[in-house]
Protein backbone atom coordinates (compact mmCIF):
# COMPACT_ATOMS: atom_id res chain seq x y z
CA MET A 1 192.66 320.84 -20.24
CA ASP A 2 195.50 320.26 -17.78
CA ALA A 3 197.99 317.74 -19.18
CA THR A 4 197.76 315.52 -16.09
CA LEU A 5 193.96 315.47 -16.27
CA GLN A 6 194.16 314.73 -19.99
CA SER A 7 196.34 311.67 -19.32
CA VAL A 8 193.86 310.45 -16.68
CA THR A 9 191.04 310.93 -19.20
CA ASN A 10 192.94 308.96 -21.81
CA ALA A 11 193.69 306.19 -19.31
CA ALA A 12 190.02 305.98 -18.47
CA ARG A 13 189.06 305.79 -22.14
CA LEU A 14 191.59 303.11 -22.72
CA LEU A 15 190.17 301.00 -19.94
CA LYS A 16 186.65 301.55 -21.22
CA ALA A 17 187.70 300.21 -24.61
CA PHE A 18 187.77 296.79 -23.01
CA LEU A 19 183.99 297.02 -22.46
CA SER A 20 183.83 295.60 -26.00
CA ARG A 21 184.37 292.22 -24.31
CA GLU A 22 187.14 291.25 -26.77
CA GLU A 23 189.66 288.92 -25.10
CA THR A 24 192.66 291.13 -25.96
CA LEU A 25 193.32 294.42 -27.70
CA GLY A 26 196.56 295.40 -29.40
CA VAL A 27 198.34 298.79 -29.31
CA SER A 28 197.46 299.58 -32.92
CA GLU A 29 193.76 298.86 -32.35
CA LEU A 30 193.64 300.80 -29.13
CA ALA A 31 195.39 303.75 -30.85
CA ARG A 32 192.84 303.68 -33.63
CA ARG A 33 189.88 303.55 -31.25
CA LEU A 34 191.16 306.30 -29.00
CA GLY A 35 192.49 308.49 -31.75
CA LEU A 36 195.92 308.56 -30.09
CA GLY A 37 199.41 307.84 -31.29
CA LYS A 38 200.92 304.43 -30.70
CA SER A 39 203.66 305.84 -28.45
CA ALA A 40 201.06 307.57 -26.27
CA VAL A 41 199.11 304.30 -25.96
CA HIS A 42 202.32 302.39 -25.18
CA ARG A 43 202.97 304.75 -22.27
CA LEU A 44 199.43 304.48 -20.99
CA LEU A 45 199.55 300.67 -21.15
CA ALA A 46 202.93 300.52 -19.41
CA THR A 47 201.58 302.73 -16.55
CA LEU A 48 198.37 300.74 -16.19
CA ALA A 49 200.24 297.45 -16.37
CA ALA A 50 202.58 298.59 -13.55
CA GLU A 51 199.45 299.14 -11.38
CA GLY A 52 197.94 295.81 -12.32
CA LEU A 53 194.99 297.36 -14.20
CA VAL A 54 195.95 295.70 -17.50
CA THR A 55 198.21 292.81 -18.32
CA ARG A 56 199.99 291.73 -21.49
CA ALA A 57 198.80 288.51 -23.13
CA GLU A 58 200.94 285.91 -24.88
CA ASN A 59 199.78 287.11 -28.30
CA GLY A 60 201.21 290.54 -27.56
CA GLY A 61 197.84 292.20 -26.94
CA TYR A 62 196.50 293.48 -23.63
CA ARG A 63 193.59 292.56 -21.43
CA LEU A 64 192.24 293.83 -18.15
CA GLY A 65 194.28 292.84 -15.08
CA MET A 66 193.21 291.29 -11.85
CA VAL A 67 193.08 294.62 -10.09
CA MET A 68 190.15 295.61 -12.30
CA PHE A 69 188.39 292.41 -11.25
CA GLU A 70 189.07 293.23 -7.61
CA LEU A 71 187.77 296.74 -8.03
CA GLY A 72 184.59 295.36 -9.68
CA GLU A 73 184.11 292.97 -6.82
CA ALA A 74 184.50 295.80 -4.33
CA VAL A 75 181.84 297.82 -6.15
CA ARG A 76 179.51 294.89 -6.32
CA SER A 77 180.01 293.93 -2.62
CA HIS A 78 179.18 297.57 -1.58
CA MET A 79 176.06 297.56 -3.73
CA ASP A 80 175.02 294.18 -2.30
CA LEU A 81 175.76 295.49 1.22
CA HIS A 82 173.60 298.56 0.68
CA ALA A 83 170.70 296.48 -0.53
CA ALA A 84 171.13 293.97 2.34
CA ALA A 85 171.52 296.50 5.08
CA GLY A 86 168.83 299.00 4.17
CA PRO A 87 165.76 297.22 5.65
CA VAL A 88 167.80 296.04 8.67
CA LEU A 89 168.91 299.63 9.50
CA VAL A 90 165.23 300.76 9.36
CA GLU A 91 164.32 298.04 11.90
CA LEU A 92 167.30 298.76 14.14
CA ARG A 93 166.56 302.46 14.23
CA ALA A 94 162.93 301.62 15.09
CA GLN A 95 164.02 299.41 17.95
CA THR A 96 166.55 301.76 19.48
CA GLY A 97 165.39 305.24 18.31
CA GLU A 98 169.03 305.99 17.69
CA SER A 99 171.29 306.48 14.69
CA SER A 100 172.10 303.24 12.93
CA GLN A 101 174.92 302.78 10.40
CA VAL A 102 177.06 300.32 8.51
CA GLY A 103 180.81 300.83 8.30
CA VAL A 104 183.42 299.14 6.16
CA LEU A 105 187.20 299.05 6.36
CA ASP A 106 189.11 301.45 4.13
CA GLY A 107 192.87 301.38 4.86
CA ASP A 108 193.23 302.07 8.58
CA GLU A 109 189.83 303.81 8.90
CA VAL A 110 186.16 303.05 9.00
CA VAL A 111 183.90 304.57 6.38
CA TYR A 112 180.22 304.73 6.97
CA VAL A 113 178.56 303.55 3.73
CA ASP A 114 174.96 303.58 4.97
CA ARG A 115 173.31 305.51 7.76
CA LEU A 116 169.93 306.39 9.24
CA GLU A 117 169.61 309.30 11.64
CA SER A 118 168.11 309.08 15.08
CA THR A 119 164.49 309.93 15.65
CA HIS A 120 165.51 312.28 18.51
CA SER A 121 166.05 315.98 18.00
CA LEU A 122 169.50 315.75 19.53
CA ARG A 123 171.58 313.73 17.00
CA LEU A 124 175.18 312.93 16.30
CA PHE A 125 175.09 314.05 12.64
CA HIS A 126 177.82 311.68 11.34
CA GLU A 127 176.98 311.73 7.65
CA THR A 128 177.36 308.88 5.22
CA GLY A 129 180.96 308.80 3.92
CA ARG A 130 182.34 309.99 7.21
CA ARG A 131 185.71 308.45 8.16
CA VAL A 132 186.43 307.53 11.76
CA PRO A 133 189.38 305.75 13.45
CA LEU A 134 189.56 302.05 14.10
CA HIS A 135 190.76 302.00 17.68
CA CYS A 136 188.24 304.21 19.36
CA THR A 137 184.94 303.39 17.62
CA SER A 138 182.78 300.29 18.14
CA SER A 139 182.67 299.58 14.41
CA GLY A 140 186.44 300.03 14.10
CA LYS A 141 187.03 297.59 16.99
CA VAL A 142 184.82 294.97 15.28
CA LEU A 143 186.74 295.28 11.98
CA LEU A 144 190.14 295.41 13.70
CA ALA A 145 189.35 292.36 15.75
CA ALA A 146 188.45 290.42 12.59
CA MET A 147 191.75 291.20 10.80
CA PRO A 148 194.46 288.59 10.23
CA ALA A 149 196.91 288.77 13.14
CA GLU A 150 199.79 290.07 11.02
CA ARG A 151 197.81 293.03 9.71
CA GLN A 152 196.31 293.73 13.12
CA GLU A 153 199.75 293.81 14.70
CA ALA A 154 201.05 296.10 11.98
CA ILE A 155 198.29 298.62 12.72
CA ILE A 156 198.77 298.35 16.51
CA GLY A 157 202.53 298.80 15.98
CA ARG A 158 201.94 302.17 14.32
CA GLY A 159 200.37 303.45 17.46
CA PHE A 160 197.09 305.30 18.13
CA PRO A 161 196.33 308.89 19.13
CA ALA A 162 194.56 309.49 22.39
CA LEU A 163 191.53 311.52 21.35
CA THR A 164 190.04 311.61 24.87
CA PRO A 165 191.21 310.49 28.33
CA ASN A 166 189.20 307.29 27.73
CA THR A 167 190.85 306.27 24.44
CA ILE A 168 192.55 302.90 24.63
CA VAL A 169 196.07 303.38 23.13
CA ALA A 170 198.53 301.13 25.00
CA PRO A 171 199.32 298.16 22.68
CA ASP A 172 198.66 295.51 25.31
CA ALA A 173 195.40 297.21 26.31
CA VAL A 174 194.34 297.36 22.69
CA ARG A 175 195.09 293.70 22.18
CA ALA A 176 193.11 292.80 25.33
CA GLU A 177 190.18 294.86 24.12
CA LEU A 178 190.19 293.22 20.69
CA ALA A 179 190.38 289.72 22.31
CA VAL A 180 187.20 290.55 24.22
CA VAL A 181 185.48 291.84 21.09
CA ALA A 182 186.41 288.63 19.17
CA ARG A 183 185.23 286.41 21.99
CA ARG A 184 181.87 287.99 22.67
CA GLY A 185 181.03 289.11 19.11
CA TRP A 186 180.31 292.81 19.66
CA ALA A 187 182.16 295.97 20.63
CA GLU A 188 181.29 299.22 22.36
CA ALA A 189 183.02 302.61 22.65
CA ILE A 190 181.96 305.10 25.26
CA ASP A 191 183.64 308.56 25.37
CA GLU A 192 186.68 307.10 23.46
CA ARG A 193 186.58 309.05 20.29
CA GLU A 194 184.67 312.10 21.61
CA ILE A 195 183.39 312.81 25.09
CA GLY A 196 179.64 312.43 25.20
CA VAL A 197 179.45 309.96 22.29
CA ALA A 198 178.89 306.23 22.55
CA SER A 199 178.18 303.31 20.20
CA LEU A 200 177.81 299.54 20.05
CA ALA A 201 178.61 297.43 16.98
CA ALA A 202 178.47 293.92 15.71
CA PRO A 203 180.02 292.15 12.72
CA VAL A 204 178.48 291.67 9.27
CA ARG A 205 179.68 288.53 7.55
CA GLY A 206 179.88 287.67 3.85
CA PRO A 207 178.92 284.27 2.35
CA GLY A 208 182.22 282.71 3.42
CA GLY A 209 181.99 283.83 7.00
CA ASP A 210 184.59 286.64 6.81
CA VAL A 211 183.67 289.93 8.45
CA VAL A 212 182.99 292.41 5.69
CA ALA A 213 181.40 295.29 7.63
CA ALA A 214 180.17 296.36 11.01
CA ILE A 215 176.66 297.52 11.93
CA SER A 216 176.25 299.88 14.82
CA VAL A 217 174.05 302.08 16.93
CA GLY A 218 175.43 305.46 18.01
CA ALA A 219 173.94 307.99 20.43
CA PRO A 220 174.87 310.69 22.93
CA ALA A 221 176.36 308.83 25.91
CA THR A 222 173.62 309.81 28.35
CA ARG A 223 170.88 308.25 26.12
CA PHE A 224 173.14 305.35 25.21
CA LEU A 225 173.74 304.44 28.85
CA ALA A 226 170.00 304.67 29.53
CA LEU A 227 169.24 301.90 27.05
CA PRO A 228 168.97 298.38 28.47
CA ARG A 229 172.39 296.94 27.70
CA GLU A 230 171.43 293.29 27.13
CA GLN A 231 168.55 294.30 24.89
CA LEU A 232 170.78 296.70 22.91
CA VAL A 233 173.45 293.99 22.43
CA GLN A 234 170.72 291.56 21.24
CA TRP A 235 169.26 294.06 18.78
CA VAL A 236 172.63 295.00 17.27
CA VAL A 237 174.02 291.42 17.09
CA GLU A 238 170.74 290.20 15.51
CA ALA A 239 170.93 293.07 13.03
CA GLY A 240 174.42 292.02 12.06
CA GLU A 241 173.26 288.44 11.59
CA ALA A 242 170.26 289.61 9.53
CA VAL A 243 172.45 291.57 7.12
CA SER A 244 174.86 288.63 6.99
CA ARG A 245 172.05 286.24 6.06
CA ARG A 246 170.89 288.65 3.38
CA LEU A 247 174.44 288.58 1.95
CA GLY A 248 174.38 284.75 1.89
CA TRP A 249 175.95 283.81 5.26
CA SER A 250 174.39 280.88 7.01
CA PRO A 251 174.37 280.91 10.82
CA GLU A 252 173.97 277.17 10.89
CA SER A 253 177.42 276.71 9.38
CA PRO A 254 180.59 277.55 11.41
CA ALA A 255 182.13 280.83 10.32
CA THR A 256 185.82 280.76 9.40
CA SER A 257 187.66 283.79 10.66
CA SER A 258 190.35 285.48 8.56
CA SER A 259 192.96 283.91 10.83
CA GLY A 260 191.78 280.45 9.86
CA ARG A 261 190.07 279.63 13.16
CA ILE A 262 186.58 278.11 13.16
CA GLU A 263 184.38 280.31 15.29
CA GLU A 264 180.85 279.72 16.58
CA PRO A 265 178.07 282.01 15.14
CA VAL A 266 178.02 285.41 16.77
CA HIS A 267 174.55 284.95 18.30
CA ALA A 268 176.04 282.19 20.52
CA ARG A 269 178.69 284.50 21.92
CA VAL A 270 176.45 287.31 23.20
């Protein structure tokens, strides 16, 4: 086996050793369980500690670090999101006849983590796991608009590629678009990422009111523009609220944005 892959395997085995639920594990005990030399275990622990995956305790042993907790929470939230969104996506596709999907933020991109294809023969074929830009997709705009101002500005400052003549790329124009999205509670993108493709998205909120995902409907632009706009907005926003409620969000309580502002529930801003 390649030496690099072997080191990854050993690191994974070391982390799994903590599944024993013991509060801490020492170098000698880890070396015994893994069948490795103490020096090798020391190197693994030093690398994992530098990444926050393990941390050294006062007794000299090691325990899992906060990054492992954060990774576990991310997995749990995605599993919860899938369970919460599934029935809602079925209903949204039935209402619109178009592809319905849920996207989450991953770095500076949107990743579709759940998707149902359109009932029409002409489809967009954007598979689950597909990554798309933030600035020129409706889901991306929803997630970008919900970011803390400092992070949002950092992303805007890096600039955006113009994928079509309709892509919004000028920083002030992007800021203006995001302000509209934040105010009305939904976003749309028509011919911005690809000519002939359009979508409309609304936020999905976690129990604390933070936006954790976006739910959207996507379609060929000609069919999208033929849908009654007010009805489409209502369907998508209500779908976002339905998933949010299934995740534990209460529309009766004011939602606190990541910037600290108290915002009215999204259904009041349509």
